[in-house]
């Protein structure tokens, strides 16, 4: 059986790339294991290769934003697909998340 909760996180200094699906299982996995290092300054998270988002995805992005603020750095999410933008708007938090649907904002 194929595990559809697989998501890969890679970080090169301040650039983070996520690849895969962000669902309840993969978000739990990211929260419990792979974490972004906020010790090297501002963070840019590339969401261009994430194929699925849900409300758990928003919770993860908000958690990372909170950790970045605690460390005194900024985090930006770019190449956010329309699906994520729609979910963020539906929950009324689109204005709180530093989301961009382009490579550079």
C-alpha atoms as a PDB file:
ATOM      1  CA  UNK A   1       0.000   0.000   0.000  1.00  0.00           C
ATOM      2  CA  UNK A   2       1.328   3.432  -0.959  1.00  0.00           C
ATOM      3  CA  UNK A   3       1.580   5.974   1.838  1.00  0.00           C
ATOM      4  CA  UNK A   4      -0.040   9.163   0.507  1.00  0.00           C
ATOM      5  CA  UNK A   5       1.107  11.140   3.546  1.00  0.00           C
ATOM      6  CA  UNK A   6       4.595  11.530   2.138  1.00  0.00           C
ATOM      7  CA  UNK A   7       5.902  15.063   1.897  1.00  0.00           C
ATOM      8  CA  UNK A   8       9.499  16.130   1.541  1.00  0.00           C
ATOM      9  CA  UNK A   9      10.968  19.212   3.171  1.00  0.00           C
ATOM     10  CA  UNK A  10      14.370  20.479   2.137  1.00  0.00           C
ATOM     11  CA  UNK A  11      16.092  23.589   3.427  1.00  0.00           C
ATOM     12  CA  UNK A  12      19.083  25.401   1.999  1.00  0.00           C
ATOM     13  CA  UNK A  13      19.808  28.340   4.301  1.00  0.00           C
ATOM     14  CA  UNK A  14      16.705  30.539   4.118  1.00  0.00           C
ATOM     15  CA  UNK A  15      15.015  28.678   1.264  1.00  0.00           C
ATOM     16  CA  UNK A  16      12.639  25.859   2.100  1.00  0.00           C
ATOM     17  CA  UNK A  17      10.968  23.630  -0.487  1.00  0.00           C
ATOM     18  CA  UNK A  18       7.998  21.367   0.162  1.00  0.00           C
ATOM     19  CA  UNK A  19       7.156  18.576  -2.284  1.00  0.00           C
ATOM     20  CA  UNK A  20       4.122  16.308  -2.029  1.00  0.00           C
ATOM     21  CA  UNK A  21       0.697  16.476  -0.439  1.00  0.00           C
ATOM     22  CA  UNK A  22      -0.126  18.475   2.664  1.00  0.00           C
ATOM     23  CA  UNK A  23      -2.899  16.512   4.305  1.00  0.00           C
ATOM     24  CA  UNK A  24      -3.641  15.671   7.932  1.00  0.00           C
ATOM     25  CA  UNK A  25      -1.088  12.827   8.036  1.00  0.00           C
ATOM     26  CA  UNK A  26       1.765  14.680   6.322  1.00  0.00           C
ATOM     27  CA  UNK A  27       1.195  17.828   8.370  1.00  0.00           C
ATOM     28  CA  UNK A  28       1.324  15.763  11.573  1.00  0.00           C
ATOM     29  CA  UNK A  29       4.559  14.222  10.318  1.00  0.00           C
ATOM     30  CA  UNK A  30       6.051  17.678   9.639  1.00  0.00           C
ATOM     31  CA  UNK A  31       4.995  18.935  13.060  1.00  0.00           C
ATOM     32  CA  UNK A  32       6.448  15.895  14.809  1.00  0.00           C
ATOM     33  CA  UNK A  33       9.721  15.546  12.916  1.00  0.00           C
ATOM     34  CA  UNK A  34      10.991  17.786  10.134  1.00  0.00           C
ATOM     35  CA  UNK A  35      11.167  21.375  11.244  1.00  0.00           C
ATOM     36  CA  UNK A  36      12.428  24.488   9.587  1.00  0.00           C
ATOM     37  CA  UNK A  37      15.547  26.024  11.081  1.00  0.00           C
ATOM     38  CA  UNK A  38      14.871  29.655  11.897  1.00  0.00           C
ATOM     39  CA  UNK A  39      18.458  30.325  12.971  1.00  0.00           C
ATOM     40  CA  UNK A  40      19.780  31.618   9.629  1.00  0.00           C
ATOM     41  CA  UNK A  41      17.551  34.655   9.126  1.00  0.00           C
ATOM     42  CA  UNK A  42      14.445  35.168   7.012  1.00  0.00           C
ATOM     43  CA  UNK A  43      12.730  32.156   5.434  1.00  0.00           C
ATOM     44  CA  UNK A  44      11.135  31.722   2.012  1.00  0.00           C
ATOM     45  CA  UNK A  45       8.957  28.636   1.616  1.00  0.00           C
ATOM     46  CA  UNK A  46       8.343  27.402  -1.927  1.00  0.00           C
ATOM     47  CA  UNK A  47       4.902  25.760  -2.195  1.00  0.00           C
ATOM     48  CA  UNK A  48       4.982  25.252  -5.974  1.00  0.00           C
ATOM     49  CA  UNK A  49       5.331  21.459  -5.780  1.00  0.00           C
ATOM     50  CA  UNK A  50       2.698  20.800  -3.134  1.00  0.00           C
ATOM     51  CA  UNK A  51      -0.215  19.047  -4.806  1.00  0.00           C
ATOM     52  CA  UNK A  52      -2.867  19.170  -2.086  1.00  0.00           C
ATOM     53  CA  UNK A  53      -3.766  21.460   0.795  1.00  0.00           C
ATOM     54  CA  UNK A  54      -6.412  21.422   3.533  1.00  0.00           C
ATOM     55  CA  UNK A  55      -7.114  23.168   6.827  1.00  0.00           C
ATOM     56  CA  UNK A  56      -4.281  21.259   8.504  1.00  0.00           C
ATOM     57  CA  UNK A  57      -1.933  22.869   5.988  1.00  0.00           C
ATOM     58  CA  UNK A  58      -3.022  26.294   7.173  1.00  0.00           C
ATOM     59  CA  UNK A  59      -2.416  25.289  10.779  1.00  0.00           C
ATOM     60  CA  UNK A  60       1.151  24.263   9.896  1.00  0.00           C
ATOM     61  CA  UNK A  61       1.860  27.504   8.001  1.00  0.00           C
ATOM     62  CA  UNK A  62       0.492  29.529  10.922  1.00  0.00           C
ATOM     63  CA  UNK A  63       2.627  27.541  13.378  1.00  0.00           C
ATOM     64  CA  UNK A  64       5.767  28.205  11.326  1.00  0.00           C
ATOM     65  CA  UNK A  65       4.824  31.889  11.117  1.00  0.00           C
ATOM     66  CA  UNK A  66       4.486  32.000  14.920  1.00  0.00           C
ATOM     67  CA  UNK A  67       7.896  30.331  15.373  1.00  0.00           C
ATOM     68  CA  UNK A  68       9.488  32.768  12.931  1.00  0.00           C
ATOM     69  CA  UNK A  69       8.057  35.710  14.875  1.00  0.00           C
ATOM     70  CA  UNK A  70       9.418  34.240  18.121  1.00  0.00           C
ATOM     71  CA  UNK A  71      12.877  34.043  16.521  1.00  0.00           C
ATOM     72  CA  UNK A  72      12.589  37.582  15.156  1.00  0.00           C
ATOM     73  CA  UNK A  73      12.661  36.559  11.488  1.00  0.00           C
ATOM     74  CA  UNK A  74      10.168  36.857   8.651  1.00  0.00           C
ATOM     75  CA  UNK A  75       8.695  33.938   6.779  1.00  0.00           C
ATOM     76  CA  UNK A  76       7.098  34.177   3.336  1.00  0.00           C
ATOM     77  CA  UNK A  77       5.212  31.513   1.445  1.00  0.00           C
ATOM     78  CA  UNK A  78       5.440  31.805  -2.324  1.00  0.00           C
ATOM     79  CA  UNK A  79       4.018  29.958  -5.308  1.00  0.00           C
ATOM     80  CA  UNK A  80       0.915  29.178  -3.254  1.00  0.00           C
ATOM     81  CA  UNK A  81      -1.639  27.415  -5.443  1.00  0.00           C
ATOM     82  CA  UNK A  82      -5.138  28.805  -5.801  1.00  0.00           C
ATOM     83  CA  UNK A  83      -6.495  25.954  -3.636  1.00  0.00           C
ATOM     84  CA  UNK A  84      -4.535  27.219  -0.620  1.00  0.00           C
ATOM     85  CA  UNK A  85      -5.503  30.846  -1.270  1.00  0.00           C
ATOM     86  CA  UNK A  86      -9.189  29.859  -1.390  1.00  0.00           C
ATOM     87  CA  UNK A  87      -8.947  27.890   1.868  1.00  0.00           C
ATOM     88  CA  UNK A  88      -7.173  30.771   3.614  1.00  0.00           C
ATOM     89  CA  UNK A  89      -9.867  33.197   2.437  1.00  0.00           C
ATOM     90  CA  UNK A  90     -12.639  30.834   3.541  1.00  0.00           C
ATOM     91  CA  UNK A  91     -11.157  30.706   7.048  1.00  0.00           C
ATOM     92  CA  UNK A  92     -10.713  34.484   7.053  1.00  0.00           C
ATOM     93  CA  UNK A  93      -6.945  34.344   7.548  1.00  0.00           C
ATOM     94  CA  UNK A  94      -5.645  35.166   4.079  1.00  0.00           C
ATOM     95  CA  UNK A  95      -4.593  38.612   5.304  1.00  0.00           C
ATOM     96  CA  UNK A  96      -2.605  37.106   8.211  1.00  0.00           C
ATOM     97  CA  UNK A  97      -0.501  34.702   6.167  1.00  0.00           C
ATOM     98  CA  UNK A  98       2.336  36.052   4.016  1.00  0.00           C
ATOM     99  CA  UNK A  99       1.053  34.140   0.953  1.00  0.00           C
ATOM    100  CA  UNK A 100       1.937  34.867  -2.632  1.00  0.00           C
ATOM    101  CA  UNK A 101       0.900  32.899  -5.695  1.00  0.00           C
ATOM    102  CA  UNK A 102       3.982  34.079  -7.567  1.00  0.00           C
ATOM    103  CA  UNK A 103       7.664  33.176  -7.293  1.00  0.00           C
ATOM    104  CA  UNK A 104       8.598  36.608  -5.954  1.00  0.00           C
ATOM    105  CA  UNK A 105       6.281  39.062  -4.287  1.00  0.00           C
END
